[in-house]
C-alpha atoms as a PDB file:
ATOM      1  CA  MET A   1     166.465  49.126  11.049  1.00  0.00           C
ATOM      2  CA  GLN A   2     169.391  51.630  11.357  1.00  0.00           C
ATOM      3  CA  THR A   3     172.441  50.851   9.174  1.00  0.00           C
ATOM      4  CA  ALA A   4     175.730  52.771   8.720  1.00  0.00           C
ATOM      5  CA  HIS A   5     176.704  54.764   5.861  1.00  0.00           C
ATOM      6  CA  LYS A   6     179.356  57.226   4.286  1.00  0.00           C
ATOM      7  CA  HIS A   7     179.229  60.075   2.906  1.00  0.00           C
ATOM      8  CA  ALA A   8     180.211  60.627  -0.890  1.00  0.00           C
ATOM      9  CA  GLY A   9     183.821  62.176  -0.203  1.00  0.00           C
ATOM     10  CA  GLY A  10     184.700  59.262   2.060  1.00  0.00           C
ATOM     11  CA  GLY A  11     183.852  61.126   5.091  1.00  0.00           C
ATOM     12  CA  HIS A  12     182.870  59.567   8.492  1.00  0.00           C
ATOM     13  CA  ASP A  13     180.641  56.754   9.376  1.00  0.00           C
ATOM     14  CA  HIS A  14     177.656  57.121  11.393  1.00  0.00           C
ATOM     15  CA  LYS A  15     174.214  55.438  12.100  1.00  0.00           C
ATOM     16  CA  ALA A  16     171.124  56.361  10.132  1.00  0.00           C
ATOM     17  CA  ALA A  17     168.442  58.292  12.061  1.00  0.00           C
ATOM     18  CA  PRO A  18     165.515  55.992  13.221  1.00  0.00           C
ATOM     19  CA  THR A  19     162.396  56.215  11.174  1.00  0.00           C
ATOM     20  CA  VAL A  20     160.132  56.666  14.002  1.00  0.00           C
ATOM     21  CA  GLU A  21     160.680  58.149  17.261  1.00  0.00           C
ATOM     22  CA  GLU A  22     161.426  55.944  20.644  1.00  0.00           C
ATOM     23  CA  ILE A  23     158.300  54.949  22.437  1.00  0.00           C
ATOM     24  CA  THR A  24     158.078  54.751  26.243  1.00  0.00           C
ATOM     25  CA  ASP A  25     157.609  51.980  28.336  1.00  0.00           C
ATOM     26  CA  PHE A  26     153.920  53.219  28.818  1.00  0.00           C
ATOM     27  CA  GLU A  27     153.419  53.172  25.170  1.00  0.00           C
ATOM     28  CA  VAL A  28     154.728  49.573  24.888  1.00  0.00           C
ATOM     29  CA  LEU A  29     152.244  48.514  27.625  1.00  0.00           C
ATOM     30  CA  GLU A  30     149.440  50.076  26.165  1.00  0.00           C
ATOM     31  CA  ILE A  31     149.911  48.375  22.942  1.00  0.00           C
ATOM     32  CA  ALA A  32     150.318  44.956  24.455  1.00  0.00           C
ATOM     33  CA  VAL A  33     146.999  45.205  26.691  1.00  0.00           C
ATOM     34  CA  ARG A  34     145.342  46.573  23.754  1.00  0.00           C
ATOM     35  CA  GLU A  35     146.295  43.860  21.389  1.00  0.00           C
ATOM     36  CA  LEU A  36     145.388  41.195  24.141  1.00  0.00           C
ATOM     37  CA  ALA A  37     141.994  42.488  24.727  1.00  0.00           C
ATOM     38  CA  ILE A  38     141.326  42.597  20.941  1.00  0.00           C
ATOM     39  CA  GLU A  39     142.564  39.025  21.017  1.00  0.00           C
ATOM     40  CA  HIS A  40     140.330  37.836  23.895  1.00  0.00           C
ATOM     41  CA  GLY A  41     137.183  39.524  22.218  1.00  0.00           C
ATOM     42  CA  LEU A  42     136.713  42.352  24.821  1.00  0.00           C
ATOM     43  CA  PHE A  43     136.625  44.837  21.855  1.00  0.00           C
ATOM     44  CA  THR A  44     137.586  44.932  18.261  1.00  0.00           C
ATOM     45  CA  ALA A  45     140.295  47.057  16.348  1.00  0.00           C
ATOM     46  CA  GLN A  46     137.447  48.976  14.718  1.00  0.00           C
ATOM     47  CA  ASP A  47     136.169  49.449  18.196  1.00  0.00           C
ATOM     48  CA  HIS A  48     139.199  51.146  19.633  1.00  0.00           C
ATOM     49  CA  ARG A  49     139.608  53.181  16.503  1.00  0.00           C
ATOM     50  CA  ARG A  50     135.845  54.636  16.834  1.00  0.00           C
ATOM     51  CA  PHE A  51     136.683  55.448  20.268  1.00  0.00           C
ATOM     52  CA  THR A  52     140.083  56.960  19.606  1.00  0.00           C
ATOM     53  CA  GLU A  53     138.424  59.265  17.079  1.00  0.00           C
ATOM     54  CA  TRP A  54     135.746  60.261  19.559  1.00  0.00           C
ATOM     55  CA  ALA A  55     138.210  60.928  22.227  1.00  0.00           C
ATOM     56  CA  GLU A  56     140.402  63.104  19.980  1.00  0.00           C
ATOM     57  CA  SER A  57     137.306  64.916  18.572  1.00  0.00           C
ATOM     58  CA  VAL A  58     135.648  65.947  22.134  1.00  0.00           C
ATOM     59  CA  GLY A  59     136.591  69.353  23.473  1.00  0.00           C
ATOM     60  CA  PRO A  60     135.771  71.326  26.688  1.00  0.00           C
ATOM     61  CA  ALA A  61     132.687  72.797  25.312  1.00  0.00           C
ATOM     62  CA  ALA A  62     130.550  70.631  27.074  1.00  0.00           C
ATOM     63  CA  GLY A  63     132.101  71.927  30.391  1.00  0.00           C
ATOM     64  CA  SER A  64     131.744  75.590  29.343  1.00  0.00           C
ATOM     65  CA  ARG A  65     127.861  74.806  28.839  1.00  0.00           C
ATOM     66  CA  LEU A  66     127.637  73.266  32.318  1.00  0.00           C
ATOM     67  CA  VAL A  67     129.221  76.294  33.994  1.00  0.00           C
ATOM     68  CA  ALA A  68     127.412  78.824  31.875  1.00  0.00           C
ATOM     69  CA  LYS A  69     124.084  77.003  32.762  1.00  0.00           C
ATOM     70  CA  ALA A  70     124.959  76.961  36.545  1.00  0.00           C
ATOM     71  CA  TRP A  71     125.675  80.573  36.348  1.00  0.00           C
ATOM     72  CA  THR A  72     122.043  81.492  35.067  1.00  0.00           C
ATOM     73  CA  ASP A  73     120.087  78.652  36.561  1.00  0.00           C
ATOM     74  CA  PRO A  74     120.080  78.127  40.297  1.00  0.00           C
ATOM     75  CA  GLY A  75     117.995  74.806  40.195  1.00  0.00           C
ATOM     76  CA  PHE A  76     120.450  73.632  37.608  1.00  0.00           C
ATOM     77  CA  LYS A  77     123.567  74.709  39.790  1.00  0.00           C
ATOM     78  CA  ALA A  78     122.264  72.895  42.885  1.00  0.00           C
ATOM     79  CA  ARG A  79     121.632  69.722  40.642  1.00  0.00           C
ATOM     80  CA  LEU A  80     124.928  69.989  39.347  1.00  0.00           C
ATOM     81  CA  LEU A  81     126.605  70.121  42.556  1.00  0.00           C
ATOM     82  CA  ASP A  82     124.397  67.354  44.021  1.00  0.00           C
ATOM     83  CA  ASP A  83     124.893  64.910  41.194  1.00  0.00           C
ATOM     84  CA  GLY A  84     127.205  65.804  38.420  1.00  0.00           C
ATOM     85  CA  VAL A  85     126.524  62.732  36.444  1.00  0.00           C
ATOM     86  CA  ASN A  86     122.674  63.177  36.135  1.00  0.00           C
ATOM     87  CA  ALA A  87     122.901  66.807  35.512  1.00  0.00           C
ATOM     88  CA  CYS A  88     125.027  66.440  32.556  1.00  0.00           C
ATOM     89  CA  LYS A  89     122.128  64.300  31.075  1.00  0.00           C
ATOM     90  CA  GLU A  90     120.409  67.946  30.823  1.00  0.00           C
ATOM     91  CA  ILE A  91     122.671  68.836  28.151  1.00  0.00           C
ATOM     92  CA  GLY A  92     123.245  65.723  26.355  1.00  0.00           C
ATOM     93  CA  ILE A  93     126.064  64.212  28.034  1.00  0.00           C
ATOM     94  CA  ASP A  94     125.714  60.523  29.193  1.00  0.00           C
ATOM     95  CA  TRP A  95     128.634  59.214  31.437  1.00  0.00           C
ATOM     96  CA  ALA A  96     127.248  56.102  31.060  1.00  0.00           C
ATOM     97  CA  GLU A  97     127.721  55.873  27.460  1.00  0.00           C
ATOM     98  CA  PRO A  98     129.495  59.079  26.328  1.00  0.00           C
ATOM     99  CA  THR A  99     130.562  58.032  22.948  1.00  0.00           C
ATOM    100  CA  GLY A 100     126.898  57.363  21.539  1.00  0.00           C
ATOM    101  CA  PHE A 101     127.967  54.293  19.954  1.00  0.00           C
ATOM    102  CA  GLY A 102     128.014  51.888  23.052  1.00  0.00           C
ATOM    103  CA  THR A 103     131.230  52.184  24.480  1.00  0.00           C
ATOM    104  CA  PRO A 104     130.664  52.638  28.380  1.00  0.00           C
ATOM    105  CA  SER A 105     132.790  54.835  30.669  1.00  0.00           C
ATOM    106  CA  ASP A 106     134.930  53.312  32.870  1.00  0.00           C
ATOM    107  CA  TYR A 107     134.144  55.753  35.669  1.00  0.00           C
ATOM    108  CA  MET A 108     130.725  57.252  36.947  1.00  0.00           C
ATOM    109  CA  ASN A 109     131.442  59.660  39.825  1.00  0.00           C
ATOM    110  CA  PHE A 110     131.887  63.032  38.536  1.00  0.00           C
ATOM    111  CA  ARG A 111     132.181  66.019  40.940  1.00  0.00           C
ATOM    112  CA  VAL A 112     131.896  69.670  40.595  1.00  0.00           C
ATOM    113  CA  LEU A 113     133.689  71.915  42.835  1.00  0.00           C
ATOM    114  CA  GLU A 114     132.193  75.293  43.237  1.00  0.00           C
ATOM    115  CA  ASP A 115     134.573  78.293  43.993  1.00  0.00           C
ATOM    116  CA  THR A 116     133.894  81.235  45.996  1.00  0.00           C
ATOM    117  CA  PRO A 117     135.509  84.465  46.744  1.00  0.00           C
ATOM    118  CA  ARG A 118     137.532  82.847  49.606  1.00  0.00           C
ATOM    119  CA  LEU A 119     137.872  79.550  47.999  1.00  0.00           C
ATOM    120  CA  HIS A 120     139.641  78.208  44.675  1.00  0.00           C
ATOM    121  CA  HIS A 121     139.835  74.701  43.514  1.00  0.00           C
ATOM    122  CA  VAL A 122     142.273  73.193  41.233  1.00  0.00           C
ATOM    123  CA  ILE A 123     142.432  69.782  40.260  1.00  0.00           C
ATOM    124  CA  VAL A 124     145.399  67.412  39.361  1.00  0.00           C
ATOM    125  CA  CYS A 125     145.876  63.586  39.035  1.00  0.00           C
ATOM    126  CA  THR A 126     149.126  62.827  41.023  1.00  0.00           C
ATOM    127  CA  LEU A 127     149.242  59.379  39.991  1.00  0.00           C
ATOM    128  CA  CYS A 128     148.729  59.483  36.034  1.00  0.00           C
ATOM    129  CA  SER A 129     146.466  61.684  34.027  1.00  0.00           C
ATOM    130  CA  CYS A 130     142.717  61.050  35.062  1.00  0.00           C
ATOM    131  CA  TYR A 131     140.628  63.849  33.808  1.00  0.00           C
ATOM    132  CA  PRO A 132     136.652  64.383  33.019  1.00  0.00           C
ATOM    133  CA  ARG A 133     137.082  63.512  29.055  1.00  0.00           C
ATOM    134  CA  PRO A 134     133.153  63.423  28.349  1.00  0.00           C
ATOM    135  CA  VAL A 135     133.128  67.253  29.352  1.00  0.00           C
ATOM    136  CA  LEU A 136     136.642  68.420  28.722  1.00  0.00           C
ATOM    137  CA  GLY A 137     137.882  66.342  26.177  1.00  0.00           C
ATOM    138  CA  MET A 138     141.658  65.248  26.086  1.00  0.00           C
ATOM    139  CA  SER A 139     143.610  66.292  28.795  1.00  0.00           C
ATOM    140  CA  PRO A 140     146.440  69.091  27.931  1.00  0.00           C
ATOM    141  CA  GLU A 141     150.104  67.898  27.957  1.00  0.00           C
ATOM    142  CA  TRP A 142     151.107  69.989  30.683  1.00  0.00           C
ATOM    143  CA  TYR A 143     148.283  68.399  32.868  1.00  0.00           C
ATOM    144  CA  ARG A 144     150.004  65.125  32.459  1.00  0.00           C
ATOM    145  CA  SER A 145     153.466  66.438  33.153  1.00  0.00           C
ATOM    146  CA  THR A 146     155.749  65.671  36.178  1.00  0.00           C
ATOM    147  CA  ASN A 147     156.314  69.092  36.964  1.00  0.00           C
ATOM    148  CA  TYR A 148     152.542  70.002  37.403  1.00  0.00           C
ATOM    149  CA  ARG A 149     151.430  66.478  38.950  1.00  0.00           C
ATOM    150  CA  ARG A 150     154.303  66.248  41.711  1.00  0.00           C
ATOM    151  CA  ARG A 151     154.570  70.274  42.478  1.00  0.00           C
ATOM    152  CA  LEU A 152     151.062  71.152  42.500  1.00  0.00           C
ATOM    153  CA  VAL A 153     150.017  69.404  45.706  1.00  0.00           C
ATOM    154  CA  ARG A 154     153.168  70.861  47.419  1.00  0.00           C
ATOM    155  CA  TRP A 155     153.427  74.337  46.098  1.00  0.00           C
ATOM    156  CA  PRO A 156     150.090  75.270  44.558  1.00  0.00           C
ATOM    157  CA  ARG A 157     150.560  79.115  44.993  1.00  0.00           C
ATOM    158  CA  GLU A 158     153.944  78.997  42.954  1.00  0.00           C
ATOM    159  CA  VAL A 159     152.646  76.510  40.293  1.00  0.00           C
ATOM    160  CA  LEU A 160     149.489  78.652  39.552  1.00  0.00           C
ATOM    161  CA  ALA A 161     151.601  82.010  39.378  1.00  0.00           C
ATOM    162  CA  GLU A 162     153.481  80.217  36.628  1.00  0.00           C
ATOM    163  CA  PHE A 163     149.950  80.083  34.744  1.00  0.00           C
ATOM    164  CA  GLY A 164     149.932  83.805  35.427  1.00  0.00           C
ATOM    165  CA  LEU A 165     146.977  83.261  38.381  1.00  0.00           C
ATOM    166  CA  ILE A 166     148.216  85.160  41.271  1.00  0.00           C
ATOM    167  CA  LEU A 167     145.433  84.674  44.215  1.00  0.00           C
ATOM    168  CA  PRO A 168     145.512  86.932  47.316  1.00  0.00           C
ATOM    169  CA  PRO A 169     146.593  85.266  50.430  1.00  0.00           C
ATOM    170  CA  GLU A 170     143.100  85.368  52.136  1.00  0.00           C
ATOM    171  CA  VAL A 171     141.998  82.981  49.244  1.00  0.00           C
ATOM    172  CA  GLU A 172     142.238  79.226  50.177  1.00  0.00           C
ATOM    173  CA  ILE A 173     143.511  76.981  47.681  1.00  0.00           C
ATOM    174  CA  ARG A 174     141.960  73.452  47.718  1.00  0.00           C
ATOM    175  CA  VAL A 175     143.761  70.860  45.341  1.00  0.00           C
ATOM    176  CA  GLU A 176     141.692  68.144  44.301  1.00  0.00           C
ATOM    177  CA  ASP A 177     143.401  64.854  43.328  1.00  0.00           C
ATOM    178  CA  SER A 178     141.364  62.981  40.623  1.00  0.00           C
ATOM    179  CA  ASN A 179     141.483  58.978  40.707  1.00  0.00           C
ATOM    180  CA  GLN A 180     140.787  55.950  38.954  1.00  0.00           C
ATOM    181  CA  LYS A 181     136.984  56.362  39.465  1.00  0.00           C
ATOM    182  CA  CYS A 182     136.372  59.953  40.365  1.00  0.00           C
ATOM    183  CA  ARG A 183     136.807  62.913  38.198  1.00  0.00           C
ATOM    184  CA  PHE A 184     136.169  66.481  39.074  1.00  0.00           C
ATOM    185  CA  MET A 185     135.784  69.986  37.364  1.00  0.00           C
ATOM    186  CA  VAL A 186     135.995  73.526  38.969  1.00  0.00           C
ATOM    187  CA  LEU A 187     132.836  75.813  38.660  1.00  0.00           C
ATOM    188  CA  PRO A 188     134.645  79.179  38.841  1.00  0.00           C
ATOM    189  CA  VAL A 189     133.001  82.266  40.211  1.00  0.00           C
ATOM    190  CA  ARG A 190     131.150  84.465  37.509  1.00  0.00           C
ATOM    191  CA  PRO A 191     133.055  87.459  36.648  1.00  0.00           C
ATOM    192  CA  SER A 192     131.366  90.782  37.214  1.00  0.00           C
ATOM    193  CA  GLY A 193     129.942  92.834  34.652  1.00  0.00           C
ATOM    194  CA  THR A 194     128.103  89.763  32.957  1.00  0.00           C
ATOM    195  CA  ASP A 195     124.626  90.190  34.767  1.00  0.00           C
ATOM    196  CA  ASN A 196     122.793  90.379  31.127  1.00  0.00           C
ATOM    197  CA  TRP A 197     125.119  88.109  29.373  1.00  0.00           C
ATOM    198  CA  THR A 198     123.306  85.141  27.529  1.00  0.00           C
ATOM    199  CA  GLU A 199     124.679  81.365  28.025  1.00  0.00           C
ATOM    200  CA  GLU A 200     126.135  81.395  24.679  1.00  0.00           C
ATOM    201  CA  GLU A 201     128.202  84.660  25.623  1.00  0.00           C
ATOM    202  CA  LEU A 202     129.074  83.080  29.057  1.00  0.00           C
ATOM    203  CA  ALA A 203     129.878  79.891  27.823  1.00  0.00           C
ATOM    204  CA  ALA A 204     132.724  81.643  25.367  1.00  0.00           C
ATOM    205  CA  ILE A 205     134.760  83.033  28.440  1.00  0.00           C
ATOM    206  CA  VAL A 206     134.772  79.459  30.228  1.00  0.00           C
ATOM    207  CA  THR A 207     137.797  77.905  28.966  1.00  0.00           C
ATOM    208  CA  ARG A 208     139.281  74.802  29.629  1.00  0.00           C
ATOM    209  CA  ASP A 209     141.875  76.100  32.143  1.00  0.00           C
ATOM    210  CA  CYS A 210     139.187  77.765  33.940  1.00  0.00           C
ATOM    211  CA  MET A 211     137.479  74.417  34.788  1.00  0.00           C
ATOM    212  CA  ILE A 212     140.877  72.906  35.790  1.00  0.00           C
ATOM    213  CA  GLY A 213     141.529  75.983  37.910  1.00  0.00           C
ATOM    214  CA  VAL A 214     144.635  77.396  36.551  1.00  0.00           C
ATOM    215  CA  ALA A 215     142.739  80.409  35.344  1.00  0.00           C
ATOM    216  CA  LEU A 216     139.841  82.833  36.164  1.00  0.00           C
ATOM    217  CA  PRO A 217     137.114  83.315  33.592  1.00  0.00           C
ATOM    218  CA  ARG A 218     136.982  87.162  32.562  1.00  0.00           C
ATOM    219  CA  ARG A 219     135.413  89.504  30.013  1.00  0.00           C
ATOM    220  CA  GLY A 220     137.484  89.161  26.816  1.00  0.00           C
ATOM    221  CA  ARG A 221     139.296  85.933  27.375  1.00  0.00           C
ATOM    222  CA  THR A 222     138.280  83.256  25.404  1.00  0.00           C
ATOM    223  CA  ALA A 223     141.324  81.024  24.828  1.00  0.00           C
ATOM    224  CA  ASP A 224     143.852  79.835  26.909  1.00  0.00           C
ATOM    225  CA  VAL A 225     147.044  81.605  26.421  1.00  0.00           C
ATOM    226  CA  HIS A 226     150.126  80.396  28.997  1.00  0.00           C
ATOM    227  CA  PRO A 227     152.867  83.017  29.561  1.00  0.00           C
ATOM    228  CA  VAL A 228     156.303  81.613  29.812  1.00  0.00           C
ATOM    229  CA  ARG A 229     157.675  81.470  33.097  1.00  0.00           C
ATOM    230  CA  LYS A 230     160.510  79.717  34.618  1.00  0.00           C
ATOM    231  CA  ALA A 231     159.318  76.920  37.105  1.00  0.00           C
ATOM    232  CA  ARG A 232     160.226  77.407  40.609  1.00  0.00           C
ATOM    233  CA  ARG A 233     161.528  73.930  42.170  1.00  0.00           C
ATOM    234  CA  PRO A 234     160.918  72.158  38.743  1.00  0.00           C
ATOM    235  CA  VAL A 235     161.141  68.293  38.758  1.00  0.00           C
ATOM    236  CA  HIS A 236     163.598  66.632  36.723  1.00  0.00           C
ATOM    237  CA  SER A 237     161.886  63.323  35.350  1.00  0.00           C
ATOM    238  CA  SER A 238     163.295  60.180  34.066  1.00  0.00           C
ATOM    239  CA  PRO A 239     164.186  60.007  30.620  1.00  0.00           C
ATOM    240  CA  GLN A 240     161.123  57.827  29.852  1.00  0.00           C
ATOM    241  CA  HIS A 241     158.798  60.567  31.076  1.00  0.00           C
ATOM    242  CA  GLY A 242     160.452  63.611  29.369  1.00  0.00           C
ATOM    243  CA  LYS A 243     161.525  66.691  30.935  1.00  0.00           C
ATOM    244  CA  ALA A 244     158.419  69.106  31.125  1.00  0.00           C
ATOM    245  CA  ALA A 245     158.375  72.151  33.145  1.00  0.00           C
ATOM    246  CA  GLU A 246     155.275  74.216  32.780  1.00  0.00           C
END
């Protein structure tokens, strides 16, 4: 509750700062649906807490292992491209029960997109923030931003350039739009000079951004660092979505 107060010297009146930040309409909707689901016995509050803790603890390490194994094992690569869900079981990821304690996944169509020297994939969810969490963890904030979601499908080269990725004009860029029941991950081209590397060494250079498609793996790069570049043709969001420009 906000109340007005005066400074000791008889200064001006003003409202006290709110005790919590204002939440968005989407957050209000999530809370309402969650409480309704708990009330009707679809899951318990403890189930929700355990799932949230699991989701926040998962990183992109599983995806990095998938890419490294595909680079070193042609047979596994073929299985991964043919049936990503089953191939994930070979590294211990079960899309039917990703948490390991009974919470099922709500999507079972996972597709891996292979890059070539002439074709580059990049993934987005133009509707909201659909993302392959069992293998990449939680999506980064910029992935959910209006500027990324709306602009990538229209000006992919310009948006990739803002991430520092400038591709030659002869390389085709293919944008894949995730949806409610299908998730994508990029299998990037293996960088030169890594022929004798182990799977562990290769996995270290396969970062989250490489598997989204906004970066390329390279020797010595083991973390995602985004250069600050002004967005061209930025999208100005409504107040409830914030104003993000990556």
